[in-house]
């Protein structure tokens, strides 16, 4: 898909978008495997309906 441009290209480069997507996928895998997130501002993980990650 080289040569295509769109609104997102006006904001961030494709390399940045791919890096963000890779990070989100890794985080999703980590959380799905029972991992957690630490920090003072981390609220408890909600126990509601699951929403699939669409990439």
PDB file of N, CA and C in Angstrom:
ATOM      1  N   UNK A   1       0.821  -1.197   0.000  1.00  0.00           N
ATOM      2  CA  UNK A   1       0.000   0.000   0.000  1.00  0.00           C
ATOM      3  C   UNK A   1       0.862   1.257   0.000  1.00  0.00           C
ATOM      4  N   UNK A   2       1.906   1.218  -0.684  1.00  0.00           N
ATOM      5  CA  UNK A   2       2.759   2.395  -0.739  1.00  0.00           C
ATOM      6  C   UNK A   2       2.132   3.433  -1.650  1.00  0.00           C
ATOM      7  N   UNK A   3       2.390   4.664  -1.351  1.00  0.00           N
ATOM      8  CA  UNK A   3       1.876   5.752  -2.172  1.00  0.00           C
ATOM      9  C   UNK A   3       0.498   6.241  -1.781  1.00  0.00           C
ATOM     10  N   UNK A   4      -0.183   5.510  -0.904  1.00  0.00           N
ATOM     11  CA  UNK A   4      -1.505   5.960  -0.478  1.00  0.00           C
ATOM     12  C   UNK A   4      -1.357   7.001   0.628  1.00  0.00           C
ATOM     13  N   UNK A   5      -2.206   7.980   0.584  1.00  0.00           N
ATOM     14  CA  UNK A   5      -2.219   8.968   1.651  1.00  0.00           C
ATOM     15  C   UNK A   5      -3.648   9.149   2.126  1.00  0.00           C
ATOM     16  N   UNK A   6      -3.769   9.653   3.298  1.00  0.00           N
ATOM     17  CA  UNK A   6      -5.092   9.877   3.862  1.00  0.00           C
ATOM     18  C   UNK A   6      -4.967  10.820   5.028  1.00  0.00           C
ATOM     19  N   UNK A   7      -6.062  11.029   5.730  1.00  0.00           N
ATOM     20  CA  UNK A   7      -6.061  11.989   6.837  1.00  0.00           C
ATOM     21  C   UNK A   7      -5.029  11.678   7.915  1.00  0.00           C
ATOM     22  N   UNK A   8      -4.798  10.385   8.206  1.00  0.00           N
ATOM     23  CA  UNK A   8      -3.852  10.065   9.269  1.00  0.00           C
ATOM     24  C   UNK A   8      -2.435  10.478   8.883  1.00  0.00           C
ATOM     25  N   UNK A   9      -2.114  10.474   7.599  1.00  0.00           N
ATOM     26  CA  UNK A   9      -0.779  10.867   7.157  1.00  0.00           C
ATOM     27  C   UNK A   9      -0.513  12.350   7.376  1.00  0.00           C
ATOM     28  N   UNK A  10      -1.566  13.115   7.527  1.00  0.00           N
ATOM     29  CA  UNK A  10      -1.404  14.534   7.836  1.00  0.00           C
ATOM     30  C   UNK A  10      -1.000  14.727   9.299  1.00  0.00           C
ATOM     31  N   UNK A  11      -1.247  13.727  10.135  1.00  0.00           N
ATOM     32  CA  UNK A  11      -0.976  13.838  11.559  1.00  0.00           C
ATOM     33  C   UNK A  11       0.295  13.114  11.976  1.00  0.00           C
ATOM     34  N   UNK A  12       0.444  11.855  11.534  1.00  0.00           N
ATOM     35  CA  UNK A  12       1.608  11.055  11.926  1.00  0.00           C
ATOM     36  C   UNK A  12       2.103  10.254  10.733  1.00  0.00           C
ATOM     37  N   UNK A  13       3.356   9.872  10.779  1.00  0.00           N
ATOM     38  CA  UNK A  13       3.929   9.065   9.714  1.00  0.00           C
ATOM     39  C   UNK A  13       3.521   7.608   9.844  1.00  0.00           C
ATOM     40  N   UNK A  14       3.652   6.871   8.760  1.00  0.00           N
ATOM     41  CA  UNK A  14       3.266   5.465   8.755  1.00  0.00           C
ATOM     42  C   UNK A  14       4.120   4.654   9.726  1.00  0.00           C
ATOM     43  N   UNK A  15       5.396   5.007   9.874  1.00  0.00           N
ATOM     44  CA  UNK A  15       6.252   4.289  10.814  1.00  0.00           C
ATOM     45  C   UNK A  15       5.762   4.468  12.247  1.00  0.00           C
ATOM     46  N   UNK A  16       5.331   5.678  12.565  1.00  0.00           N
ATOM     47  CA  UNK A  16       4.795   5.941  13.903  1.00  0.00           C
ATOM     48  C   UNK A  16       3.503   5.163  14.118  1.00  0.00           C
ATOM     49  N   UNK A  17       2.632   5.154  13.124  1.00  0.00           N
ATOM     50  CA  UNK A  17       1.364   4.424  13.232  1.00  0.00           C
ATOM     51  C   UNK A  17       1.616   2.932  13.433  1.00  0.00           C
ATOM     52  N   UNK A  18       2.581   2.378  12.712  1.00  0.00           N
ATOM     53  CA  UNK A  18       2.898   0.956  12.867  1.00  0.00           C
ATOM     54  C   UNK A  18       3.493   0.664  14.238  1.00  0.00           C
ATOM     55  N   UNK A  19       4.345   1.553  14.717  1.00  0.00           N
ATOM     56  CA  UNK A  19       4.942   1.371  16.038  1.00  0.00           C
ATOM     57  C   UNK A  19       3.868   1.400  17.122  1.00  0.00           C
ATOM     58  N   UNK A  20       2.919   2.313  17.001  1.00  0.00           N
ATOM     59  CA  UNK A  20       1.819   2.389  17.966  1.00  0.00           C
ATOM     60  C   UNK A  20       0.980   1.121  17.899  1.00  0.00           C
ATOM     61  N   UNK A  21       0.674   0.659  16.696  1.00  0.00           N
ATOM     62  CA  UNK A  21      -0.113  -0.567  16.538  1.00  0.00           C
ATOM     63  C   UNK A  21       0.604  -1.764  17.161  1.00  0.00           C
ATOM     64  N   UNK A  22       1.915  -1.879  16.929  1.00  0.00           N
ATOM     65  CA  UNK A  22       2.689  -2.972  17.529  1.00  0.00           C
ATOM     66  C   UNK A  22       2.658  -2.905  19.049  1.00  0.00           C
ATOM     67  N   UNK A  23       2.759  -1.704  19.598  1.00  0.00           N
ATOM     68  CA  UNK A  23       2.722  -1.531  21.045  1.00  0.00           C
ATOM     69  C   UNK A  23       1.363  -1.934  21.605  1.00  0.00           C
ATOM     70  N   UNK A  24       0.296  -1.530  20.947  1.00  0.00           N
ATOM     71  CA  UNK A  24      -1.058  -1.857  21.408  1.00  0.00           C
ATOM     72  C   UNK A  24      -1.299  -3.363  21.333  1.00  0.00           C
ATOM     73  N   UNK A  25      -0.825  -4.001  20.273  1.00  0.00           N
ATOM     74  CA  UNK A  25      -0.978  -5.451  20.143  1.00  0.00           C
ATOM     75  C   UNK A  25      -0.227  -6.158  21.263  1.00  0.00           C
ATOM     76  N   UNK A  26       0.993  -5.697  21.542  1.00  0.00           N
ATOM     77  CA  UNK A  26       1.763  -6.290  22.629  1.00  0.00           C
ATOM     78  C   UNK A  26       1.094  -6.106  23.980  1.00  0.00           C
ATOM     79  N   UNK A  27       0.552  -4.925  24.215  1.00  0.00           N
ATOM     80  CA  UNK A  27      -0.159  -4.662  25.468  1.00  0.00           C
ATOM     81  C   UNK A  27      -1.396  -5.537  25.574  1.00  0.00           C
ATOM     82  N   UNK A  28      -2.133  -5.676  24.485  1.00  0.00           N
ATOM     83  CA  UNK A  28      -3.326  -6.525  24.486  1.00  0.00           C
ATOM     84  C   UNK A  28      -2.952  -7.970  24.821  1.00  0.00           C
ATOM     85  N   UNK A  29      -1.885  -8.481  24.215  1.00  0.00           N
ATOM     86  CA  UNK A  29      -1.432  -9.838  24.497  1.00  0.00           C
ATOM     87  C   UNK A  29      -1.026  -9.985  25.961  1.00  0.00           C
ATOM     88  N   UNK A  30      -0.337  -8.989  26.476  1.00  0.00           N
ATOM     89  CA  UNK A  30       0.107  -9.001  27.873  1.00  0.00           C
ATOM     90  C   UNK A  30      -1.095  -9.062  28.821  1.00  0.00           C
ATOM     91  N   UNK A  31      -2.075  -8.216  28.587  1.00  0.00           N
ATOM     92  CA  UNK A  31      -3.263  -8.186  29.448  1.00  0.00           C
ATOM     93  C   UNK A  31      -4.094  -9.449  29.296  1.00  0.00           C
ATOM     94  N   UNK A  32      -4.217  -9.951  28.066  1.00  0.00           N
ATOM     95  CA  UNK A  32      -4.986 -11.173  27.825  1.00  0.00           C
ATOM     96  C   UNK A  32      -4.339 -12.372  28.512  1.00  0.00           C
ATOM     97  N   UNK A  33      -3.009 -12.317  28.669  1.00  0.00           N
ATOM     98  CA  UNK A  33      -2.298 -13.392  29.336  1.00  0.00           C
ATOM     99  C   UNK A  33      -2.292 -13.272  30.851  1.00  0.00           C
ATOM    100  N   UNK A  34      -3.039 -12.326  31.374  1.00  0.00           N
ATOM    101  CA  UNK A  34      -3.137 -12.171  32.818  1.00  0.00           C
ATOM    102  C   UNK A  34      -2.197 -11.134  33.393  1.00  0.00           C
ATOM    103  N   UNK A  35      -1.439 -10.468  32.546  1.00  0.00           N
ATOM    104  CA  UNK A  35      -0.537  -9.417  33.011  1.00  0.00           C
ATOM    105  C   UNK A  35      -1.316  -8.213  33.486  1.00  0.00           C
ATOM    106  N   UNK A  36      -0.640  -7.338  34.157  1.00  0.00           N
ATOM    107  CA  UNK A  36      -1.293  -6.150  34.680  1.00  0.00           C
ATOM    108  C   UNK A  36      -0.529  -4.893  34.321  1.00  0.00           C
ATOM    109  N   UNK A  37      -1.057  -3.802  34.781  1.00  0.00           N
ATOM    110  CA  UNK A  37      -0.448  -2.491  34.591  1.00  0.00           C
ATOM    111  C   UNK A  37      -0.276  -1.887  35.971  1.00  0.00           C
ATOM    112  N   UNK A  38       0.923  -1.396  36.262  1.00  0.00           N
ATOM    113  CA  UNK A  38       1.155  -0.829  37.580  1.00  0.00           C
ATOM    114  C   UNK A  38       1.296   0.678  37.492  1.00  0.00           C
ATOM    115  N   UNK A  39       1.070   1.316  38.593  1.00  0.00           N
ATOM    116  CA  UNK A  39       1.225   2.758  38.646  1.00  0.00           C
ATOM    117  C   UNK A  39       0.182   3.380  39.542  1.00  0.00           C
ATOM    118  N   UNK A  40       0.433   4.586  39.999  1.00  0.00           N
ATOM    119  CA  UNK A  40      -0.480   5.224  40.941  1.00  0.00           C
ATOM    120  C   UNK A  40      -1.826   5.612  40.332  1.00  0.00           C
ATOM    121  N   UNK A  41      -1.902   5.762  39.024  1.00  0.00           N
ATOM    122  CA  UNK A  41      -3.157   6.198  38.407  1.00  0.00           C
ATOM    123  C   UNK A  41      -3.882   5.074  37.680  1.00  0.00           C
ATOM    124  N   UNK A  42      -3.488   3.853  37.920  1.00  0.00           N
ATOM    125  CA  UNK A  42      -4.089   2.723  37.233  1.00  0.00           C
ATOM    126  C   UNK A  42      -5.349   2.267  37.968  1.00  0.00           C
ATOM    127  N   UNK A  43      -6.534   2.510  37.396  1.00  0.00           N
ATOM    128  CA  UNK A  43      -7.758   2.033  38.048  1.00  0.00           C
ATOM    129  C   UNK A  43      -7.893   0.526  37.860  1.00  0.00           C
ATOM    130  N   UNK A  44      -8.739  -0.123  38.649  1.00  0.00           N
ATOM    131  CA  UNK A  44      -8.961  -1.556  38.461  1.00  0.00           C
ATOM    132  C   UNK A  44      -9.474  -1.840  37.051  1.00  0.00           C
ATOM    133  N   UNK A  45      -9.088  -2.969  36.520  1.00  0.00           N
ATOM    134  CA  UNK A  45      -9.530  -3.347  35.177  1.00  0.00           C
ATOM    135  C   UNK A  45     -11.027  -3.654  35.209  1.00  0.00           C
ATOM    136  N   UNK A  46     -11.800  -3.023  34.344  1.00  0.00           N
ATOM    137  CA  UNK A  46     -13.255  -3.245  34.360  1.00  0.00           C
ATOM    138  C   UNK A  46     -13.594  -4.677  33.957  1.00  0.00           C
ATOM    139  N   UNK A  47     -14.622  -5.207  34.557  1.00  0.00           N
ATOM    140  CA  UNK A  47     -15.076  -6.566  34.265  1.00  0.00           C
ATOM    141  C   UNK A  47     -16.390  -6.505  33.498  1.00  0.00           C
ATOM    142  N   UNK A  48     -16.367  -5.885  32.344  1.00  0.00           N
ATOM    143  CA  UNK A  48     -17.560  -5.757  31.522  1.00  0.00           C
ATOM    144  C   UNK A  48     -17.456  -6.620  30.287  1.00  0.00           C
ATOM    145  N   UNK A  49     -18.153  -6.226  29.271  1.00  0.00           N
ATOM    146  CA  UNK A  49     -18.094  -7.004  28.030  1.00  0.00           C
ATOM    147  C   UNK A  49     -16.759  -6.782  27.343  1.00  0.00           C
ATOM    148  N   UNK A  50     -16.291  -7.776  26.630  1.00  0.00           N
ATOM    149  CA  UNK A  50     -15.013  -7.691  25.929  1.00  0.00           C
ATOM    150  C   UNK A  50     -15.229  -7.087  24.555  1.00  0.00           C
ATOM    151  N   UNK A  51     -14.378  -6.182  24.178  1.00  0.00           N
ATOM    152  CA  UNK A  51     -14.446  -5.555  22.862  1.00  0.00           C
ATOM    153  C   UNK A  51     -13.203  -5.997  22.095  1.00  0.00           C
ATOM    154  N   UNK A  52     -13.378  -6.641  20.939  1.00  0.00           N
ATOM    155  CA  UNK A  52     -12.223  -7.126  20.200  1.00  0.00           C
ATOM    156  C   UNK A  52     -11.387  -5.982  19.654  1.00  0.00           C
ATOM    157  N   UNK A  53     -10.083  -6.204  19.597  1.00  0.00           N
ATOM    158  CA  UNK A  53      -9.156  -5.235  19.041  1.00  0.00           C
ATOM    159  C   UNK A  53      -9.145  -5.392  17.538  1.00  0.00           C
ATOM    160  N   UNK A  54      -9.435  -4.322  16.821  1.00  0.00           N
ATOM    161  CA  UNK A  54      -9.451  -4.368  15.356  1.00  0.00           C
ATOM    162  C   UNK A  54      -8.249  -3.592  14.870  1.00  0.00           C
ATOM    163  N   UNK A  55      -7.397  -4.281  14.116  1.00  0.00           N
ATOM    164  CA  UNK A  55      -6.182  -3.639  13.591  1.00  0.00           C
ATOM    165  C   UNK A  55      -6.253  -3.586  12.097  1.00  0.00           C
TER     166      UNK A  55
END
